N, C-alpha and C. Protein backbone atom coordinates (compact mmCIF):
# COMPACT_ATOMS: atom_id res chain seq x y z
N MET A 1 -28.13 -36.37 43.62
CA MET A 1 -27.39 -35.23 43.13
C MET A 1 -26.01 -35.20 43.79
N ASN A 2 -24.99 -34.90 43.00
CA ASN A 2 -23.63 -34.83 43.53
C ASN A 2 -23.44 -33.57 44.35
N LYS A 3 -22.64 -33.68 45.38
CA LYS A 3 -22.31 -32.52 46.20
C LYS A 3 -21.08 -31.85 45.62
N LEU A 4 -21.17 -30.56 45.32
CA LEU A 4 -20.05 -29.81 44.78
C LEU A 4 -19.42 -29.00 45.90
N LYS A 5 -18.10 -28.90 45.86
CA LYS A 5 -17.38 -28.13 46.86
C LYS A 5 -16.58 -27.04 46.16
N LEU A 6 -16.59 -25.86 46.72
CA LEU A 6 -15.77 -24.76 46.24
C LEU A 6 -14.53 -24.68 47.12
N ILE A 7 -13.36 -24.76 46.49
CA ILE A 7 -12.11 -24.73 47.25
C ILE A 7 -11.41 -23.42 46.91
N VAL A 8 -11.17 -22.59 47.90
CA VAL A 8 -10.53 -21.30 47.71
C VAL A 8 -9.19 -21.31 48.44
N ASN A 9 -8.16 -20.79 47.77
CA ASN A 9 -6.81 -20.74 48.35
C ASN A 9 -6.37 -22.11 48.87
N ASN A 10 -6.52 -23.09 48.01
CA ASN A 10 -6.18 -24.45 48.42
C ASN A 10 -4.67 -24.66 48.44
N ASN A 11 -4.20 -25.36 49.39
CA ASN A 11 -2.79 -25.71 49.52
C ASN A 11 -2.65 -27.22 49.56
N PHE A 12 -3.02 -27.86 48.49
CA PHE A 12 -2.91 -29.31 48.47
C PHE A 12 -1.80 -29.73 47.51
N LYS A 13 -1.48 -30.99 47.47
CA LYS A 13 -0.29 -31.47 46.78
C LYS A 13 -0.35 -31.39 45.26
N TYR A 14 -1.49 -31.08 44.68
CA TYR A 14 -1.61 -31.03 43.23
C TYR A 14 -1.48 -29.63 42.65
N LYS A 15 -1.05 -28.65 43.43
CA LYS A 15 -1.02 -27.29 42.93
C LYS A 15 0.00 -27.09 41.80
N GLU A 16 1.00 -27.91 41.68
CA GLU A 16 1.96 -27.81 40.58
C GLU A 16 1.40 -28.36 39.27
N LYS A 17 0.21 -28.93 39.30
CA LYS A 17 -0.38 -29.49 38.10
C LYS A 17 -1.10 -28.44 37.27
N PHE A 18 -1.15 -27.21 37.75
CA PHE A 18 -1.82 -26.12 37.05
C PHE A 18 -0.94 -24.88 37.13
N PHE A 19 -1.36 -23.81 36.45
CA PHE A 19 -0.69 -22.53 36.64
C PHE A 19 -1.03 -22.03 38.03
N VAL A 20 -0.04 -21.60 38.77
CA VAL A 20 -0.31 -21.01 40.08
C VAL A 20 -0.73 -19.56 39.87
N LYS A 21 -1.22 -18.93 40.90
CA LYS A 21 -1.82 -17.60 40.80
C LYS A 21 -0.87 -16.57 40.18
N ASN A 22 0.38 -16.54 40.61
CA ASN A 22 1.34 -15.57 40.08
C ASN A 22 1.66 -15.81 38.61
N GLU A 23 1.74 -17.07 38.20
CA GLU A 23 1.99 -17.39 36.80
C GLU A 23 0.83 -16.94 35.93
N LEU A 24 -0.37 -17.23 36.39
CA LEU A 24 -1.56 -16.85 35.63
C LEU A 24 -1.69 -15.32 35.56
N LYS A 25 -1.29 -14.64 36.60
CA LYS A 25 -1.33 -13.18 36.62
C LYS A 25 -0.41 -12.60 35.54
N VAL A 26 0.78 -13.13 35.42
CA VAL A 26 1.74 -12.68 34.41
C VAL A 26 1.19 -12.92 33.01
N ILE A 27 0.63 -14.08 32.78
CA ILE A 27 0.08 -14.41 31.46
C ILE A 27 -1.11 -13.51 31.13
N LEU A 28 -2.01 -13.31 32.07
CA LEU A 28 -3.19 -12.49 31.81
C LEU A 28 -2.84 -11.02 31.63
N ASN A 29 -1.78 -10.53 32.26
CA ASN A 29 -1.33 -9.16 32.01
C ASN A 29 -0.86 -9.00 30.57
N LEU A 30 -0.09 -9.96 30.07
CA LEU A 30 0.33 -9.94 28.67
C LEU A 30 -0.88 -10.03 27.75
N TYR A 31 -1.80 -10.92 28.07
CA TYR A 31 -3.01 -11.09 27.26
C TYR A 31 -3.81 -9.79 27.18
N ALA A 32 -3.96 -9.10 28.30
CA ALA A 32 -4.71 -7.83 28.32
C ALA A 32 -4.05 -6.78 27.43
N LYS A 33 -2.73 -6.71 27.46
CA LYS A 33 -2.02 -5.75 26.60
C LYS A 33 -2.23 -6.06 25.13
N LYS A 34 -2.14 -7.34 24.78
CA LYS A 34 -2.28 -7.72 23.36
C LYS A 34 -3.71 -7.59 22.88
N VAL A 35 -4.69 -7.81 23.74
CA VAL A 35 -6.09 -7.61 23.36
C VAL A 35 -6.37 -6.14 23.14
N SER A 36 -5.83 -5.28 24.00
CA SER A 36 -6.06 -3.85 23.85
C SER A 36 -5.42 -3.31 22.57
N CYS A 37 -4.36 -3.95 22.08
CA CYS A 37 -3.75 -3.56 20.81
C CYS A 37 -4.52 -4.13 19.62
N GLY A 38 -5.37 -5.10 19.88
CA GLY A 38 -6.14 -5.72 18.80
C GLY A 38 -5.46 -6.92 18.16
N ASP A 39 -4.33 -7.37 18.74
CA ASP A 39 -3.59 -8.50 18.16
C ASP A 39 -4.21 -9.84 18.51
N TRP A 40 -4.66 -9.99 19.73
CA TRP A 40 -5.23 -11.25 20.20
C TRP A 40 -6.71 -11.06 20.49
N LYS A 41 -7.50 -12.11 20.27
CA LYS A 41 -8.94 -11.99 20.45
C LYS A 41 -9.51 -12.92 21.51
N ASP A 42 -8.95 -14.10 21.66
CA ASP A 42 -9.55 -15.10 22.55
C ASP A 42 -8.45 -15.99 23.12
N TYR A 43 -8.77 -16.74 24.15
CA TYR A 43 -7.81 -17.67 24.75
C TYR A 43 -8.54 -18.90 25.28
N SER A 44 -7.78 -19.93 25.55
CA SER A 44 -8.30 -21.13 26.20
C SER A 44 -7.17 -21.76 27.00
N LEU A 45 -7.54 -22.65 27.89
CA LEU A 45 -6.56 -23.42 28.66
C LEU A 45 -6.65 -24.87 28.23
N SER A 46 -5.52 -25.47 27.96
CA SER A 46 -5.46 -26.88 27.59
C SER A 46 -4.67 -27.63 28.66
N VAL A 47 -5.22 -28.74 29.11
CA VAL A 47 -4.58 -29.52 30.17
C VAL A 47 -4.45 -30.96 29.72
N ASN A 48 -3.27 -31.53 29.88
CA ASN A 48 -3.10 -32.97 29.71
C ASN A 48 -2.13 -33.46 30.78
N LYS A 49 -1.71 -34.70 30.70
CA LYS A 49 -0.88 -35.28 31.76
C LYS A 49 0.50 -34.66 31.87
N LYS A 50 1.06 -34.17 30.76
CA LYS A 50 2.42 -33.66 30.77
C LYS A 50 2.52 -32.14 30.78
N THR A 51 1.54 -31.47 30.22
CA THR A 51 1.61 -30.01 30.11
C THR A 51 0.27 -29.35 30.38
N ILE A 52 0.35 -28.08 30.70
CA ILE A 52 -0.82 -27.21 30.72
C ILE A 52 -0.43 -26.00 29.89
N SER A 53 -1.34 -25.53 29.05
CA SER A 53 -0.98 -24.42 28.19
C SER A 53 -2.10 -23.39 28.10
N PHE A 54 -1.68 -22.16 27.93
CA PHE A 54 -2.55 -21.02 27.71
C PHE A 54 -2.51 -20.76 26.22
N ASP A 55 -3.57 -21.06 25.51
CA ASP A 55 -3.61 -20.96 24.05
C ASP A 55 -4.22 -19.62 23.65
N VAL A 56 -3.57 -18.93 22.72
CA VAL A 56 -4.00 -17.61 22.28
C VAL A 56 -4.51 -17.71 20.85
N TYR A 57 -5.66 -17.07 20.59
CA TYR A 57 -6.29 -17.11 19.28
C TYR A 57 -6.39 -15.72 18.69
N GLN A 58 -6.25 -15.66 17.36
CA GLN A 58 -6.48 -14.40 16.67
C GLN A 58 -7.97 -14.25 16.38
N ARG A 59 -8.62 -15.35 16.07
CA ARG A 59 -10.07 -15.42 15.91
C ARG A 59 -10.54 -16.65 16.67
N ALA A 60 -11.74 -16.61 17.17
CA ALA A 60 -12.24 -17.70 18.02
C ALA A 60 -12.35 -19.03 17.28
N SER A 61 -12.51 -19.00 15.96
CA SER A 61 -12.71 -20.23 15.20
C SER A 61 -11.41 -20.85 14.69
N ASP A 62 -10.30 -20.17 14.87
CA ASP A 62 -9.01 -20.63 14.34
C ASP A 62 -8.30 -21.56 15.31
N MET A 63 -7.17 -22.05 14.83
CA MET A 63 -6.23 -22.77 15.68
C MET A 63 -5.47 -21.73 16.52
N PRO A 64 -4.93 -22.12 17.66
CA PRO A 64 -4.18 -21.13 18.46
C PRO A 64 -2.94 -20.65 17.72
N ILE A 65 -2.68 -19.34 17.82
CA ILE A 65 -1.50 -18.79 17.14
C ILE A 65 -0.26 -18.93 18.01
N PHE A 66 -0.44 -18.91 19.34
CA PHE A 66 0.64 -19.12 20.28
C PHE A 66 0.14 -19.95 21.44
N ARG A 67 1.07 -20.66 22.07
CA ARG A 67 0.78 -21.39 23.30
C ARG A 67 1.88 -21.09 24.30
N ILE A 68 1.47 -20.66 25.47
CA ILE A 68 2.40 -20.48 26.57
C ILE A 68 2.21 -21.70 27.46
N SER A 69 3.19 -22.58 27.48
CA SER A 69 3.03 -23.88 28.13
C SER A 69 3.91 -24.04 29.35
N LYS A 70 3.40 -24.84 30.27
CA LYS A 70 4.15 -25.24 31.46
C LYS A 70 4.31 -26.75 31.40
N ASN A 71 5.56 -27.19 31.39
CA ASN A 71 5.86 -28.60 31.38
C ASN A 71 5.81 -29.10 32.82
N LEU A 72 4.93 -30.04 33.10
CA LEU A 72 4.75 -30.51 34.47
C LEU A 72 5.87 -31.44 34.92
N TYR A 73 6.53 -32.08 33.98
CA TYR A 73 7.64 -32.99 34.31
C TYR A 73 8.86 -32.65 33.45
N PRO A 74 9.50 -31.50 33.69
CA PRO A 74 10.64 -31.12 32.84
C PRO A 74 11.87 -31.98 33.12
N LYS A 75 12.61 -32.26 32.06
CA LYS A 75 13.86 -33.02 32.21
C LYS A 75 14.96 -32.11 32.74
N THR A 76 14.94 -30.83 32.32
CA THR A 76 15.87 -29.83 32.83
C THR A 76 15.07 -28.61 33.27
N LYS A 77 15.69 -27.73 34.04
CA LYS A 77 14.99 -26.54 34.51
C LYS A 77 14.56 -25.63 33.37
N VAL A 78 15.37 -25.56 32.31
CA VAL A 78 15.09 -24.67 31.19
C VAL A 78 13.81 -25.08 30.46
N GLU A 79 13.43 -26.32 30.55
CA GLU A 79 12.26 -26.81 29.83
C GLU A 79 10.95 -26.65 30.60
N LYS A 80 10.95 -25.89 31.70
CA LYS A 80 9.73 -25.76 32.51
C LYS A 80 8.65 -24.95 31.79
N PHE A 81 9.00 -23.79 31.22
CA PHE A 81 8.04 -22.96 30.49
C PHE A 81 8.55 -22.75 29.07
N TYR A 82 7.64 -22.70 28.11
CA TYR A 82 8.03 -22.43 26.74
C TYR A 82 6.87 -21.85 25.95
N VAL A 83 7.23 -21.17 24.86
CA VAL A 83 6.26 -20.57 23.95
C VAL A 83 6.32 -21.34 22.65
N ILE A 84 5.16 -21.76 22.16
CA ILE A 84 5.06 -22.54 20.93
C ILE A 84 4.27 -21.74 19.91
N ASP A 85 4.70 -21.77 18.64
CA ASP A 85 3.96 -21.07 17.59
C ASP A 85 2.87 -21.95 17.00
N LYS A 86 2.21 -21.45 15.97
CA LYS A 86 1.08 -22.14 15.34
C LYS A 86 1.48 -23.49 14.74
N ASN A 87 2.72 -23.61 14.29
CA ASN A 87 3.20 -24.83 13.65
C ASN A 87 3.77 -25.85 14.63
N GLY A 88 3.79 -25.53 15.91
CA GLY A 88 4.32 -26.44 16.92
C GLY A 88 5.79 -26.27 17.20
N ASN A 89 6.41 -25.24 16.66
CA ASN A 89 7.83 -24.97 16.91
C ASN A 89 8.00 -24.21 18.21
N ILE A 90 8.99 -24.60 19.00
CA ILE A 90 9.28 -23.91 20.25
C ILE A 90 10.06 -22.64 19.94
N ILE A 91 9.50 -21.50 20.34
CA ILE A 91 10.13 -20.20 20.08
C ILE A 91 11.17 -19.89 21.16
N LYS A 92 10.76 -20.01 22.41
CA LYS A 92 11.66 -19.75 23.54
C LYS A 92 11.34 -20.70 24.67
N LYS A 93 12.37 -20.97 25.51
CA LYS A 93 12.22 -21.78 26.72
C LYS A 93 12.83 -21.03 27.89
N SER A 94 12.32 -21.31 29.08
CA SER A 94 12.89 -20.69 30.27
C SER A 94 12.44 -21.44 31.51
N GLU A 95 13.15 -21.21 32.59
CA GLU A 95 12.74 -21.79 33.86
C GLU A 95 11.85 -20.82 34.64
N ASN A 96 11.80 -19.55 34.21
CA ASN A 96 11.01 -18.52 34.87
C ASN A 96 10.02 -17.94 33.87
N LEU A 97 8.74 -18.01 34.17
CA LEU A 97 7.71 -17.56 33.24
C LEU A 97 7.77 -16.05 33.00
N LYS A 98 8.00 -15.28 34.04
CA LYS A 98 8.04 -13.82 33.89
C LYS A 98 9.18 -13.40 32.97
N ASN A 99 10.36 -14.02 33.14
CA ASN A 99 11.49 -13.72 32.25
C ASN A 99 11.20 -14.16 30.83
N LEU A 100 10.55 -15.28 30.66
CA LEU A 100 10.21 -15.78 29.33
C LEU A 100 9.30 -14.80 28.60
N ILE A 101 8.28 -14.32 29.26
CA ILE A 101 7.34 -13.40 28.63
C ILE A 101 8.00 -12.05 28.36
N ASN A 102 8.84 -11.57 29.28
CA ASN A 102 9.50 -10.29 29.07
C ASN A 102 10.56 -10.35 27.98
N ARG A 103 11.24 -11.47 27.81
CA ARG A 103 12.29 -11.60 26.79
C ARG A 103 11.74 -11.84 25.40
N THR A 104 10.54 -12.38 25.30
CA THR A 104 9.95 -12.66 23.99
C THR A 104 9.46 -11.36 23.38
N LYS A 105 9.87 -11.10 22.16
CA LYS A 105 9.44 -9.89 21.47
C LYS A 105 8.19 -10.22 20.66
N TRP A 106 7.05 -9.98 21.27
CA TRP A 106 5.77 -10.37 20.68
C TRP A 106 5.46 -9.56 19.43
N GLU A 107 5.97 -8.34 19.34
CA GLU A 107 5.69 -7.50 18.17
C GLU A 107 6.41 -8.01 16.93
N ASN A 108 7.57 -8.61 17.11
CA ASN A 108 8.38 -9.08 15.98
C ASN A 108 7.93 -10.42 15.44
N LEU A 109 7.07 -11.12 16.17
CA LEU A 109 6.61 -12.42 15.71
C LEU A 109 5.53 -12.22 14.65
N LYS A 110 5.75 -12.74 13.47
CA LYS A 110 4.80 -12.60 12.38
C LYS A 110 4.08 -13.91 12.17
N LEU A 111 2.81 -13.83 11.86
CA LEU A 111 2.03 -15.02 11.57
C LEU A 111 2.24 -15.43 10.13
N VAL A 112 2.55 -16.68 9.89
CA VAL A 112 2.74 -17.20 8.54
C VAL A 112 1.54 -18.07 8.22
N GLU A 113 0.87 -17.73 7.13
CA GLU A 113 -0.32 -18.51 6.77
C GLU A 113 -0.11 -19.21 5.46
């Protein structure tokens, strides 16, 4: 049997490969507001070599309607965080996640089906 280890408050060199605690807090605060309004229903996290993204669903069986992504290897500072719509178009980019979420007008974004 494999030995499993629980790592709490880890400070190792791979912490930039995921959302850090403050980034995840900002995203989950937005998610809680949108769920309470009834706009969003479910979420998932997607991880690959270049990005990690918080995917938002209107229904659990659908494709994600929005993705809040963190580029792990940005070419410029502005490309660190971005919001992507259902069609893969980048809506906004920023170097600061909190500013990105606050500047995006989530109410004005309409879903096109």
